[in-house]
Amino acid sequence: PQVCDGPMGVGPTALVPLTLKGTIDGKAMGRIDVSGERAAADVRWLAYAATNRDLGLHGAAVIGSDAWIREPFAGWRRATTAEVADATLDLTAFRTALSPDDRAAAESRGVGVIEGARARQCRIAIDGPTFRAAFPQVVWLAGEADLGHWRGQLDYWVFLDGQIGRITGSANGNAADIEEGALQATIEVELNATDRGTPIRVMPPAP
């Protein structure tokens, strides 16, 4: 597999499950489970949030210049592309956190086998704002808390096709902006991109 700072990208299409979960002073904050599909920049996903801040089903879809959003206890509605600008799951994470500059100092963790396929595991350091931008669903765990002083790491796996098929990691820091009197919070992420390159047609969720 490609070296950690070498040329790589994400698949032209993918099925993308994503999980976020958090703890605050050792207590669970809840979790978010996302199930999505992407074809180039077209994407559609649903996320079930069960956290201290949010409960219900969220969703986003972008097909060409059309966009939709789903919010808890409501159906799909039309949206502007600006409202869903960071909705493309693995593509958003790659563009935000795994640019060539971000990977310049990546650490190789060796080559292994993931679900029968060889892949190189790599690791980079990440700050809180980048973590939030790469995984915007963090808002349903941390709200608008300032993550400017948070730090963490991301592991990513690049496969023989030169594509990133798995990202895991965490970020932690001061929890005072999340919960009054709290000291430390940690948010963990796991993203997989499967069936990369298979024919996927993203359908609109509503007229």
N, C-alpha and C. Protein backbone atom coordinates (compact mmCIF):
# COMPACT_ATOMS: atom_id res chain seq x y z
N PRO A 1 0.82 -1.21 0.00
CA PRO A 1 0.00 0.00 0.00
C PRO A 1 0.86 1.26 0.00
N GLN A 2 0.28 2.34 -0.46
CA GLN A 2 0.96 3.62 -0.56
C GLN A 2 1.52 4.05 0.80
N VAL A 3 2.63 4.78 0.78
CA VAL A 3 3.17 5.33 2.01
C VAL A 3 2.24 6.42 2.53
N CYS A 4 2.38 6.75 3.83
CA CYS A 4 1.37 7.59 4.50
C CYS A 4 1.26 9.01 3.94
N ASP A 5 2.35 9.54 3.37
CA ASP A 5 2.29 10.89 2.84
C ASP A 5 2.26 10.90 1.32
N GLY A 6 1.99 9.73 0.72
CA GLY A 6 1.98 9.62 -0.73
C GLY A 6 0.63 9.99 -1.33
N PRO A 7 0.52 9.92 -2.66
CA PRO A 7 -0.75 10.22 -3.33
C PRO A 7 -1.83 9.23 -2.92
N MET A 8 -2.99 9.72 -2.58
CA MET A 8 -4.11 8.87 -2.21
C MET A 8 -5.40 9.68 -2.29
N GLY A 9 -6.53 9.01 -2.21
CA GLY A 9 -7.81 9.70 -2.25
C GLY A 9 -8.89 8.82 -1.67
N VAL A 10 -10.13 9.17 -1.92
CA VAL A 10 -11.27 8.35 -1.52
C VAL A 10 -11.89 7.75 -2.77
N GLY A 11 -12.72 6.74 -2.59
CA GLY A 11 -13.33 6.08 -3.72
C GLY A 11 -14.30 6.98 -4.48
N PRO A 12 -14.50 6.72 -5.76
CA PRO A 12 -15.48 7.50 -6.52
C PRO A 12 -16.90 7.32 -5.99
N THR A 13 -17.15 6.15 -5.39
CA THR A 13 -18.42 5.88 -4.72
C THR A 13 -18.11 5.11 -3.44
N ALA A 14 -19.06 5.12 -2.50
CA ALA A 14 -18.85 4.36 -1.26
C ALA A 14 -20.13 4.31 -0.45
N LEU A 15 -20.27 3.24 0.32
CA LEU A 15 -21.23 3.18 1.41
C LEU A 15 -20.46 3.57 2.67
N VAL A 16 -21.03 4.50 3.45
CA VAL A 16 -20.25 5.10 4.53
C VAL A 16 -21.01 5.05 5.86
N PRO A 17 -20.72 4.07 6.70
CA PRO A 17 -21.20 4.12 8.09
C PRO A 17 -20.22 4.93 8.94
N LEU A 18 -20.76 5.74 9.84
CA LEU A 18 -19.96 6.62 10.69
C LEU A 18 -20.55 6.58 12.10
N THR A 19 -19.69 6.44 13.09
CA THR A 19 -20.13 6.45 14.49
C THR A 19 -19.32 7.48 15.26
N LEU A 20 -20.01 8.29 16.06
CA LEU A 20 -19.38 9.22 16.98
C LEU A 20 -19.92 8.94 18.38
N LYS A 21 -19.04 8.92 19.37
CA LYS A 21 -19.49 8.76 20.74
C LYS A 21 -18.59 9.57 21.66
N GLY A 22 -19.14 9.98 22.79
CA GLY A 22 -18.38 10.86 23.66
C GLY A 22 -18.53 10.51 25.13
N THR A 23 -17.54 10.95 25.90
CA THR A 23 -17.60 10.85 27.36
C THR A 23 -17.22 12.19 27.95
N ILE A 24 -17.76 12.47 29.11
CA ILE A 24 -17.44 13.71 29.81
C ILE A 24 -17.20 13.37 31.28
N ASP A 25 -15.99 13.60 31.73
CA ASP A 25 -15.56 13.21 33.08
C ASP A 25 -15.91 11.75 33.37
N GLY A 26 -15.65 10.91 32.38
CA GLY A 26 -15.86 9.48 32.54
C GLY A 26 -17.27 8.99 32.34
N LYS A 27 -18.23 9.90 32.12
CA LYS A 27 -19.63 9.51 31.91
C LYS A 27 -19.98 9.64 30.43
N ALA A 28 -20.82 8.74 29.96
CA ALA A 28 -21.18 8.75 28.55
C ALA A 28 -22.01 9.98 28.21
N MET A 29 -21.68 10.59 27.06
CA MET A 29 -22.46 11.70 26.52
C MET A 29 -23.49 11.23 25.50
N GLY A 30 -23.34 9.97 25.05
CA GLY A 30 -24.23 9.44 24.04
C GLY A 30 -23.46 9.10 22.78
N ARG A 31 -24.22 8.79 21.71
CA ARG A 31 -23.59 8.40 20.46
C ARG A 31 -24.45 8.82 19.28
N ILE A 32 -23.81 8.83 18.12
CA ILE A 32 -24.46 9.18 16.86
C ILE A 32 -24.08 8.10 15.86
N ASP A 33 -25.07 7.51 15.23
CA ASP A 33 -24.84 6.47 14.22
C ASP A 33 -25.36 6.96 12.87
N VAL A 34 -24.43 7.05 11.92
CA VAL A 34 -24.75 7.57 10.59
C VAL A 34 -24.64 6.43 9.58
N SER A 35 -25.58 6.38 8.66
CA SER A 35 -25.53 5.44 7.54
C SER A 35 -25.71 6.24 6.26
N GLY A 36 -24.71 6.21 5.39
CA GLY A 36 -24.78 7.04 4.20
C GLY A 36 -24.27 6.35 2.95
N GLU A 37 -24.55 6.97 1.83
CA GLU A 37 -24.04 6.52 0.54
C GLU A 37 -23.59 7.75 -0.25
N ARG A 38 -22.52 7.56 -1.02
CA ARG A 38 -21.97 8.69 -1.76
C ARG A 38 -21.56 8.23 -3.14
N ALA A 39 -21.83 9.06 -4.15
CA ALA A 39 -21.37 8.86 -5.52
C ALA A 39 -20.78 10.19 -5.99
N ALA A 40 -19.44 10.24 -6.08
CA ALA A 40 -18.73 11.49 -6.34
C ALA A 40 -19.11 12.48 -5.24
N ALA A 41 -19.68 13.63 -5.59
CA ALA A 41 -20.07 14.61 -4.57
C ALA A 41 -21.54 14.51 -4.20
N ASP A 42 -22.28 13.57 -4.83
CA ASP A 42 -23.67 13.34 -4.44
C ASP A 42 -23.69 12.44 -3.21
N VAL A 43 -24.51 12.80 -2.24
CA VAL A 43 -24.50 12.05 -0.99
C VAL A 43 -25.88 12.09 -0.36
N ARG A 44 -26.18 11.05 0.40
CA ARG A 44 -27.41 11.01 1.21
C ARG A 44 -27.12 10.17 2.44
N TRP A 45 -27.51 10.69 3.61
CA TRP A 45 -27.31 9.93 4.83
C TRP A 45 -28.38 10.24 5.87
N LEU A 46 -28.54 9.30 6.79
CA LEU A 46 -29.40 9.46 7.96
C LEU A 46 -28.55 9.21 9.21
N ALA A 47 -28.79 9.98 10.24
CA ALA A 47 -28.04 9.85 11.48
C ALA A 47 -29.01 9.81 12.65
N TYR A 48 -28.87 8.79 13.47
CA TYR A 48 -29.66 8.72 14.70
C TYR A 48 -28.80 9.20 15.85
N ALA A 49 -29.22 10.29 16.47
CA ALA A 49 -28.49 10.86 17.60
C ALA A 49 -29.21 10.55 18.90
N ALA A 50 -28.47 10.03 19.85
CA ALA A 50 -29.00 9.80 21.20
C ALA A 50 -27.92 10.30 22.16
N THR A 51 -27.95 11.60 22.44
CA THR A 51 -26.91 12.24 23.24
C THR A 51 -27.54 13.11 24.31
N ASN A 52 -26.67 13.68 25.16
CA ASN A 52 -27.15 14.60 26.19
C ASN A 52 -27.79 15.84 25.58
N ARG A 53 -27.46 16.15 24.32
CA ARG A 53 -27.92 17.37 23.69
C ARG A 53 -29.01 17.15 22.65
N ASP A 54 -29.10 15.96 22.11
CA ASP A 54 -29.96 15.76 20.95
C ASP A 54 -30.51 14.35 20.93
N LEU A 55 -31.75 14.23 20.49
CA LEU A 55 -32.38 12.92 20.34
C LEU A 55 -33.23 12.93 19.10
N GLY A 56 -32.95 12.03 18.19
CA GLY A 56 -33.80 11.93 17.00
C GLY A 56 -33.00 11.66 15.74
N LEU A 57 -33.72 11.73 14.63
CA LEU A 57 -33.18 11.36 13.33
C LEU A 57 -32.86 12.61 12.53
N HIS A 58 -31.59 12.72 12.15
CA HIS A 58 -31.14 13.79 11.27
C HIS A 58 -30.82 13.21 9.90
N GLY A 59 -30.75 14.07 8.90
CA GLY A 59 -30.36 13.60 7.58
C GLY A 59 -29.94 14.75 6.70
N ALA A 60 -29.20 14.41 5.67
CA ALA A 60 -28.79 15.39 4.67
C ALA A 60 -28.64 14.69 3.33
N ALA A 61 -28.88 15.42 2.27
CA ALA A 61 -28.70 14.89 0.93
C ALA A 61 -28.30 16.02 0.00
N VAL A 62 -27.39 15.70 -0.89
CA VAL A 62 -26.97 16.63 -1.93
C VAL A 62 -26.89 15.85 -3.23
N ILE A 63 -27.64 16.30 -4.23
CA ILE A 63 -27.60 15.69 -5.56
C ILE A 63 -27.48 16.83 -6.56
N GLY A 64 -26.32 16.94 -7.16
CA GLY A 64 -26.08 18.06 -8.07
C GLY A 64 -26.18 19.37 -7.32
N SER A 65 -27.05 20.24 -7.80
CA SER A 65 -27.24 21.54 -7.14
C SER A 65 -28.43 21.55 -6.19
N ASP A 66 -29.05 20.39 -5.98
CA ASP A 66 -30.20 20.28 -5.08
C ASP A 66 -29.75 19.73 -3.73
N ALA A 67 -30.40 20.20 -2.67
CA ALA A 67 -30.04 19.77 -1.33
C ALA A 67 -31.28 19.63 -0.46
N TRP A 68 -31.20 18.73 0.51
CA TRP A 68 -32.29 18.48 1.44
C TRP A 68 -31.69 18.28 2.84
N ILE A 69 -32.51 18.56 3.84
CA ILE A 69 -32.15 18.32 5.24
C ILE A 69 -33.33 17.66 5.94
N ARG A 70 -33.03 16.75 6.84
CA ARG A 70 -34.06 16.18 7.71
C ARG A 70 -33.68 16.47 9.15
N GLU A 71 -34.64 16.90 9.94
CA GLU A 71 -34.43 17.20 11.35
C GLU A 71 -35.34 16.33 12.20
N PRO A 72 -34.99 16.12 13.48
CA PRO A 72 -35.81 15.25 14.33
C PRO A 72 -37.27 15.67 14.37
N PHE A 73 -38.16 14.67 14.32
CA PHE A 73 -39.60 14.87 14.43
C PHE A 73 -40.15 15.69 13.27
N ALA A 74 -39.45 15.67 12.14
CA ALA A 74 -39.92 16.35 10.93
C ALA A 74 -39.45 15.55 9.73
N GLY A 75 -40.07 15.81 8.58
CA GLY A 75 -39.67 15.12 7.37
C GLY A 75 -38.55 15.87 6.66
N TRP A 76 -38.24 15.41 5.47
CA TRP A 76 -37.23 16.07 4.65
C TRP A 76 -37.75 17.42 4.17
N ARG A 77 -36.85 18.38 4.07
CA ARG A 77 -37.19 19.68 3.49
C ARG A 77 -36.06 20.12 2.57
N ARG A 78 -36.44 20.94 1.61
CA ARG A 78 -35.43 21.51 0.73
C ARG A 78 -34.48 22.42 1.52
N ALA A 79 -33.22 22.46 1.10
CA ALA A 79 -32.22 23.29 1.78
C ALA A 79 -31.33 23.93 0.73
N THR A 80 -30.56 24.90 1.17
CA THR A 80 -29.56 25.48 0.30
C THR A 80 -28.31 24.62 0.35
N THR A 81 -27.49 24.70 -0.68
CA THR A 81 -26.26 23.92 -0.67
C THR A 81 -25.33 24.40 0.44
N ALA A 82 -25.44 25.66 0.84
CA ALA A 82 -24.62 26.16 1.95
C ALA A 82 -24.96 25.45 3.25
N GLU A 83 -26.24 25.09 3.45
CA GLU A 83 -26.65 24.42 4.68
C GLU A 83 -26.06 23.02 4.80
N VAL A 84 -25.73 22.41 3.67
CA VAL A 84 -25.21 21.03 3.69
C VAL A 84 -23.82 20.98 3.05
N ALA A 85 -23.08 22.07 3.16
CA ALA A 85 -21.79 22.17 2.48
C ALA A 85 -20.79 21.12 2.95
N ASP A 86 -20.90 20.67 4.19
CA ASP A 86 -19.93 19.72 4.74
C ASP A 86 -20.56 18.35 4.96
N ALA A 87 -21.47 17.95 4.08
CA ALA A 87 -22.26 16.75 4.31
C ALA A 87 -21.72 15.50 3.64
N THR A 88 -20.56 15.57 2.99
CA THR A 88 -20.14 14.46 2.13
C THR A 88 -19.30 13.39 2.84
N LEU A 89 -19.43 13.28 4.15
CA LEU A 89 -18.93 12.14 4.92
C LEU A 89 -17.43 11.89 4.71
N ASP A 90 -17.05 10.77 4.09
CA ASP A 90 -15.63 10.47 3.92
C ASP A 90 -14.92 11.50 3.06
N LEU A 91 -15.61 12.07 2.09
CA LEU A 91 -15.01 13.09 1.24
C LEU A 91 -14.71 14.35 2.05
N THR A 92 -15.64 14.74 2.93
CA THR A 92 -15.40 15.88 3.81
C THR A 92 -14.22 15.63 4.73
N ALA A 93 -14.16 14.44 5.34
CA ALA A 93 -13.05 14.12 6.24
C ALA A 93 -11.71 14.15 5.51
N PHE A 94 -11.68 13.60 4.31
CA PHE A 94 -10.44 13.57 3.54
C PHE A 94 -9.98 14.97 3.18
N ARG A 95 -10.89 15.78 2.66
CA ARG A 95 -10.50 17.13 2.24
C ARG A 95 -10.10 18.00 3.43
N THR A 96 -10.73 17.78 4.57
CA THR A 96 -10.51 18.65 5.72
C THR A 96 -9.29 18.26 6.54
N ALA A 97 -9.13 16.96 6.79
CA ALA A 97 -8.11 16.52 7.74
C ALA A 97 -6.94 15.77 7.13
N LEU A 98 -7.07 15.33 5.87
CA LEU A 98 -6.05 14.45 5.30
C LEU A 98 -5.48 14.99 4.00
N SER A 99 -5.32 16.29 3.92
CA SER A 99 -4.68 16.90 2.75
C SER A 99 -3.20 16.51 2.75
N PRO A 100 -2.50 16.71 1.61
CA PRO A 100 -1.05 16.39 1.60
C PRO A 100 -0.27 17.10 2.70
N ASP A 101 -0.61 18.34 3.00
CA ASP A 101 0.09 19.05 4.07
C ASP A 101 -0.18 18.40 5.42
N ASP A 102 -1.43 18.00 5.66
CA ASP A 102 -1.78 17.35 6.94
C ASP A 102 -1.05 16.02 7.10
N ARG A 103 -0.80 15.33 5.99
CA ARG A 103 -0.19 14.00 6.05
C ARG A 103 1.33 14.03 5.95
N ALA A 104 1.92 15.23 5.86
CA ALA A 104 3.36 15.34 5.65
C ALA A 104 4.16 14.70 6.78
N ALA A 105 3.63 14.76 8.00
CA ALA A 105 4.34 14.19 9.15
C ALA A 105 3.63 12.95 9.69
N ALA A 106 2.87 12.27 8.84
CA ALA A 106 2.12 11.10 9.29
C ALA A 106 3.05 9.98 9.72
N GLU A 107 2.62 9.24 10.72
CA GLU A 107 3.38 8.10 11.24
C GLU A 107 2.80 6.81 10.70
N SER A 108 3.64 5.96 10.13
CA SER A 108 3.19 4.66 9.64
C SER A 108 3.10 3.69 10.80
N ARG A 109 1.95 3.00 10.91
CA ARG A 109 1.74 2.03 11.98
C ARG A 109 1.81 0.60 11.46
N GLY A 110 2.27 0.45 10.21
CA GLY A 110 2.44 -0.89 9.65
C GLY A 110 1.33 -1.27 8.69
N VAL A 111 1.53 -2.42 8.06
CA VAL A 111 0.58 -2.95 7.07
C VAL A 111 -0.14 -4.15 7.68
N GLY A 112 -1.46 -4.17 7.51
CA GLY A 112 -2.26 -5.28 8.02
C GLY A 112 -3.35 -5.65 7.04
N VAL A 113 -4.24 -6.49 7.49
CA VAL A 113 -5.35 -6.96 6.66
C VAL A 113 -6.65 -6.52 7.30
N ILE A 114 -7.46 -5.76 6.54
CA ILE A 114 -8.76 -5.28 6.99
C ILE A 114 -9.83 -5.94 6.12
N GLU A 115 -10.62 -6.82 6.72
CA GLU A 115 -11.67 -7.54 6.00
C GLU A 115 -11.14 -8.17 4.71
N GLY A 116 -9.97 -8.81 4.82
CA GLY A 116 -9.41 -9.53 3.69
C GLY A 116 -8.56 -8.71 2.75
N ALA A 117 -8.43 -7.41 2.96
CA ALA A 117 -7.66 -6.55 2.06
C ALA A 117 -6.48 -5.93 2.80
N ARG A 118 -5.32 -5.89 2.14
CA ARG A 118 -4.14 -5.30 2.74
C ARG A 118 -4.27 -3.78 2.77
N ALA A 119 -3.84 -3.19 3.88
CA ALA A 119 -3.92 -1.74 4.03
C ALA A 119 -2.82 -1.27 4.96
N ARG A 120 -2.34 -0.05 4.72
CA ARG A 120 -1.36 0.56 5.60
C ARG A 120 -2.08 1.49 6.58
N GLN A 121 -1.78 1.31 7.87
CA GLN A 121 -2.35 2.17 8.90
C GLN A 121 -1.40 3.35 9.14
N CYS A 122 -1.96 4.55 9.13
CA CYS A 122 -1.18 5.77 9.32
C CYS A 122 -1.83 6.60 10.43
N ARG A 123 -1.04 7.47 11.05
CA ARG A 123 -1.56 8.28 12.15
C ARG A 123 -1.07 9.72 12.03
N ILE A 124 -1.99 10.67 12.27
CA ILE A 124 -1.63 12.08 12.31
C ILE A 124 -2.20 12.69 13.59
N ALA A 125 -1.61 13.79 14.01
CA ALA A 125 -2.17 14.59 15.10
C ALA A 125 -3.23 15.51 14.52
N ILE A 126 -4.22 15.86 15.35
CA ILE A 126 -5.31 16.70 14.89
C ILE A 126 -5.74 17.62 16.02
N ASP A 127 -6.18 18.83 15.66
CA ASP A 127 -6.69 19.74 16.69
C ASP A 127 -8.22 19.72 16.68
N GLY A 128 -8.81 20.36 17.69
CA GLY A 128 -10.25 20.32 17.85
C GLY A 128 -11.03 20.93 16.69
N PRO A 129 -10.67 22.14 16.22
CA PRO A 129 -11.41 22.73 15.10
C PRO A 129 -11.38 21.87 13.84
N THR A 130 -10.24 21.24 13.55
CA THR A 130 -10.16 20.37 12.38
C THR A 130 -11.02 19.13 12.57
N PHE A 131 -11.01 18.58 13.78
CA PHE A 131 -11.84 17.41 14.08
C PHE A 131 -13.31 17.75 13.86
N ARG A 132 -13.75 18.91 14.34
CA ARG A 132 -15.15 19.32 14.16
C ARG A 132 -15.49 19.51 12.69
N ALA A 133 -14.57 20.13 11.94
CA ALA A 133 -14.83 20.38 10.53
C ALA A 133 -14.86 19.09 9.72
N ALA A 134 -14.02 18.12 10.10
CA ALA A 134 -13.98 16.85 9.38
C ALA A 134 -15.21 15.99 9.65
N PHE A 135 -15.76 16.12 10.86
CA PHE A 135 -16.93 15.33 11.27
C PHE A 135 -17.97 16.28 11.87
N PRO A 136 -18.69 17.03 11.05
CA PRO A 136 -19.58 18.08 11.56
C PRO A 136 -20.71 17.57 12.43
N GLN A 137 -21.00 16.27 12.39
CA GLN A 137 -22.03 15.71 13.26
C GLN A 137 -21.65 15.82 14.74
N VAL A 138 -20.41 16.20 15.02
CA VAL A 138 -19.96 16.45 16.39
C VAL A 138 -20.88 17.44 17.10
N VAL A 139 -21.53 18.31 16.35
CA VAL A 139 -22.39 19.34 16.96
C VAL A 139 -23.47 18.72 17.83
N TRP A 140 -23.92 17.50 17.54
CA TRP A 140 -24.98 16.89 18.34
C TRP A 140 -24.45 16.28 19.63
N LEU A 141 -23.13 16.27 19.79
CA LEU A 141 -22.50 15.88 21.05
C LEU A 141 -21.99 17.09 21.83
N ALA A 142 -21.34 18.01 21.12
CA ALA A 142 -20.65 19.10 21.80
C ALA A 142 -21.30 20.46 21.61
N GLY A 143 -22.38 20.52 20.83
CA GLY A 143 -23.01 21.81 20.58
C GLY A 143 -22.02 22.74 19.89
N GLU A 144 -22.07 24.02 20.25
CA GLU A 144 -21.17 25.01 19.67
C GLU A 144 -19.97 25.28 20.57
N ALA A 145 -19.63 24.35 21.43
CA ALA A 145 -18.49 24.52 22.35
C ALA A 145 -17.21 24.84 21.59
N ASP A 146 -16.38 25.66 22.18
CA ASP A 146 -15.09 26.01 21.60
C ASP A 146 -14.12 24.84 21.78
N LEU A 147 -13.70 24.25 20.68
CA LEU A 147 -12.76 23.13 20.72
C LEU A 147 -11.35 23.58 20.35
N GLY A 148 -11.10 24.88 20.44
CA GLY A 148 -9.83 25.43 19.99
C GLY A 148 -8.61 24.86 20.68
N HIS A 149 -8.76 24.43 21.93
CA HIS A 149 -7.62 23.89 22.68
C HIS A 149 -7.66 22.36 22.77
N TRP A 150 -8.57 21.74 22.05
CA TRP A 150 -8.63 20.28 22.05
C TRP A 150 -7.51 19.72 21.16
N ARG A 151 -7.07 18.53 21.49
CA ARG A 151 -6.06 17.84 20.70
C ARG A 151 -6.43 16.36 20.60
N GLY A 152 -5.95 15.73 19.54
CA GLY A 152 -6.22 14.31 19.38
C GLY A 152 -5.43 13.72 18.25
N GLN A 153 -5.91 12.60 17.73
CA GLN A 153 -5.23 11.93 16.64
C GLN A 153 -6.24 11.22 15.75
N LEU A 154 -5.85 11.02 14.50
CA LEU A 154 -6.63 10.24 13.55
C LEU A 154 -5.75 9.15 12.97
N ASP A 155 -6.29 7.94 12.91
CA ASP A 155 -5.67 6.85 12.18
C ASP A 155 -6.45 6.67 10.88
N TYR A 156 -5.74 6.48 9.79
CA TYR A 156 -6.41 6.21 8.52
C TYR A 156 -5.70 5.06 7.83
N TRP A 157 -6.46 4.28 7.08
CA TRP A 157 -5.96 3.10 6.40
C TRP A 157 -6.06 3.32 4.90
N VAL A 158 -4.93 3.20 4.20
CA VAL A 158 -4.91 3.33 2.74
C VAL A 158 -4.70 1.93 2.15
N PHE A 159 -5.56 1.58 1.21
CA PHE A 159 -5.57 0.24 0.64
C PHE A 159 -4.75 0.18 -0.66
N LEU A 160 -4.66 -1.01 -1.24
CA LEU A 160 -3.83 -1.19 -2.42
C LEU A 160 -4.31 -0.37 -3.62
N ASP A 161 -5.58 0.03 -3.62
CA ASP A 161 -6.09 0.86 -4.72
C ASP A 161 -5.77 2.34 -4.51
N GLY A 162 -5.02 2.67 -3.45
CA GLY A 162 -4.67 4.05 -3.19
C GLY A 162 -5.79 4.85 -2.55
N GLN A 163 -6.83 4.17 -2.07
CA GLN A 163 -7.98 4.84 -1.49
C GLN A 163 -8.03 4.63 0.03
N ILE A 164 -8.49 5.65 0.73
CA ILE A 164 -8.67 5.57 2.17
C ILE A 164 -10.03 4.93 2.45
N GLY A 165 -10.01 3.81 3.16
CA GLY A 165 -11.24 3.08 3.40
C GLY A 165 -11.67 3.02 4.85
N ARG A 166 -10.86 3.60 5.73
CA ARG A 166 -11.21 3.56 7.16
C ARG A 166 -10.50 4.69 7.88
N ILE A 167 -11.24 5.37 8.78
CA ILE A 167 -10.68 6.44 9.60
C ILE A 167 -11.21 6.25 11.02
N THR A 168 -10.32 6.25 11.99
CA THR A 168 -10.74 6.24 13.40
C THR A 168 -9.92 7.29 14.14
N GLY A 169 -10.39 7.68 15.31
CA GLY A 169 -9.61 8.63 16.09
C GLY A 169 -10.42 9.23 17.21
N SER A 170 -9.81 10.22 17.86
CA SER A 170 -10.48 10.88 18.97
C SER A 170 -9.86 12.25 19.17
N ALA A 171 -10.59 13.09 19.88
CA ALA A 171 -10.08 14.39 20.31
C ALA A 171 -10.62 14.64 21.71
N ASN A 172 -9.83 15.32 22.54
CA ASN A 172 -10.30 15.60 23.90
C ASN A 172 -9.77 16.94 24.38
N GLY A 173 -10.45 17.47 25.39
CA GLY A 173 -10.04 18.75 25.92
C GLY A 173 -11.02 19.25 26.97
N ASN A 174 -10.94 20.54 27.26
CA ASN A 174 -11.75 21.18 28.28
C ASN A 174 -13.24 21.03 27.97
N ALA A 175 -13.99 20.59 28.98
CA ALA A 175 -15.42 20.33 28.78
C ALA A 175 -16.31 21.43 29.33
N ALA A 176 -15.74 22.53 29.82
CA ALA A 176 -16.55 23.55 30.48
C ALA A 176 -17.60 24.15 29.57
N ASP A 177 -17.30 24.27 28.26
CA ASP A 177 -18.27 24.83 27.32
C ASP A 177 -19.37 23.84 26.95
N ILE A 178 -19.16 22.58 27.28
CA ILE A 178 -20.17 21.56 26.98
C ILE A 178 -21.13 21.37 28.13
N GLU A 179 -20.58 21.31 29.34
CA GLU A 179 -21.40 21.11 30.54
C GLU A 179 -20.80 21.92 31.69
N GLU A 180 -21.61 22.69 32.34
CA GLU A 180 -21.13 23.53 33.42
C GLU A 180 -20.49 22.68 34.52
N GLY A 181 -19.28 23.07 34.92
CA GLY A 181 -18.58 22.37 35.98
C GLY A 181 -17.80 21.15 35.54
N ALA A 182 -17.94 20.76 34.26
CA ALA A 182 -17.22 19.58 33.77
C ALA A 182 -15.77 19.94 33.46
N LEU A 183 -14.91 18.93 33.49
CA LEU A 183 -13.47 19.17 33.30
C LEU A 183 -12.96 18.67 31.96
N GLN A 184 -13.21 17.41 31.64
CA GLN A 184 -12.58 16.80 30.48
C GLN A 184 -13.60 16.03 29.66
N ALA A 185 -13.55 16.22 28.35
CA ALA A 185 -14.44 15.48 27.45
C ALA A 185 -13.62 14.85 26.33
N THR A 186 -14.09 13.72 25.85
CA THR A 186 -13.45 13.02 24.74
C THR A 186 -14.53 12.61 23.75
N ILE A 187 -14.25 12.82 22.47
CA ILE A 187 -15.15 12.37 21.40
C ILE A 187 -14.37 11.44 20.48
N GLU A 188 -14.93 10.27 20.23
CA GLU A 188 -14.30 9.27 19.37
C GLU A 188 -15.08 9.13 18.07
N VAL A 189 -14.37 8.80 16.99
CA VAL A 189 -15.00 8.64 15.69
C VAL A 189 -14.53 7.35 15.04
N GLU A 190 -15.42 6.72 14.31
CA GLU A 190 -15.07 5.58 13.46
C GLU A 190 -15.85 5.72 12.15
N LEU A 191 -15.13 5.76 11.05
CA LEU A 191 -15.74 5.89 9.72
C LEU A 191 -15.17 4.80 8.83
N ASN A 192 -16.05 4.13 8.08
CA ASN A 192 -15.63 3.13 7.10
C ASN A 192 -16.23 3.48 5.75
N ALA A 193 -15.46 3.28 4.71
CA ALA A 193 -15.95 3.49 3.35
C ALA A 193 -15.85 2.15 2.63
N THR A 194 -16.99 1.51 2.42
CA THR A 194 -17.02 0.18 1.83
C THR A 194 -17.64 0.23 0.44
N ASP A 195 -17.49 -0.87 -0.31
CA ASP A 195 -18.02 -0.96 -1.68
C ASP A 195 -17.56 0.22 -2.52
N ARG A 196 -16.31 0.63 -2.31
CA ARG A 196 -15.78 1.76 -3.06
C ARG A 196 -15.68 1.40 -4.54
N GLY A 197 -16.19 2.28 -5.38
CA GLY A 197 -16.12 2.08 -6.82
C GLY A 197 -17.25 1.27 -7.41
N THR A 198 -18.13 0.71 -6.58
CA THR A 198 -19.27 -0.01 -7.12
C THR A 198 -20.34 0.98 -7.59
N PRO A 199 -21.17 0.59 -8.54
CA PRO A 199 -22.20 1.53 -9.02
C PRO A 199 -23.18 1.90 -7.90
N ILE A 200 -23.27 3.17 -7.60
CA ILE A 200 -24.20 3.69 -6.59
C ILE A 200 -24.89 4.91 -7.19
N ARG A 201 -26.20 4.90 -7.14
CA ARG A 201 -26.96 6.06 -7.58
C ARG A 201 -27.68 6.63 -6.37
N VAL A 202 -27.36 7.84 -6.04
CA VAL A 202 -27.97 8.50 -4.89
C VAL A 202 -29.33 9.08 -5.31
N MET A 203 -30.38 8.63 -4.67
CA MET A 203 -31.73 9.06 -5.01
C MET A 203 -32.17 10.21 -4.11
N PRO A 204 -32.96 11.14 -4.64
CA PRO A 204 -33.46 12.24 -3.81
C PRO A 204 -34.41 11.73 -2.74
N PRO A 205 -34.34 12.29 -1.53
CA PRO A 205 -35.19 11.81 -0.45
C PRO A 205 -36.62 12.32 -0.52
N ALA A 206 -36.85 13.38 -1.32
CA ALA A 206 -38.17 14.00 -1.40
C ALA A 206 -38.23 14.77 -2.71
N PRO A 207 -39.44 15.13 -3.14
CA PRO A 207 -39.57 15.92 -4.38
C PRO A 207 -38.81 17.23 -4.29
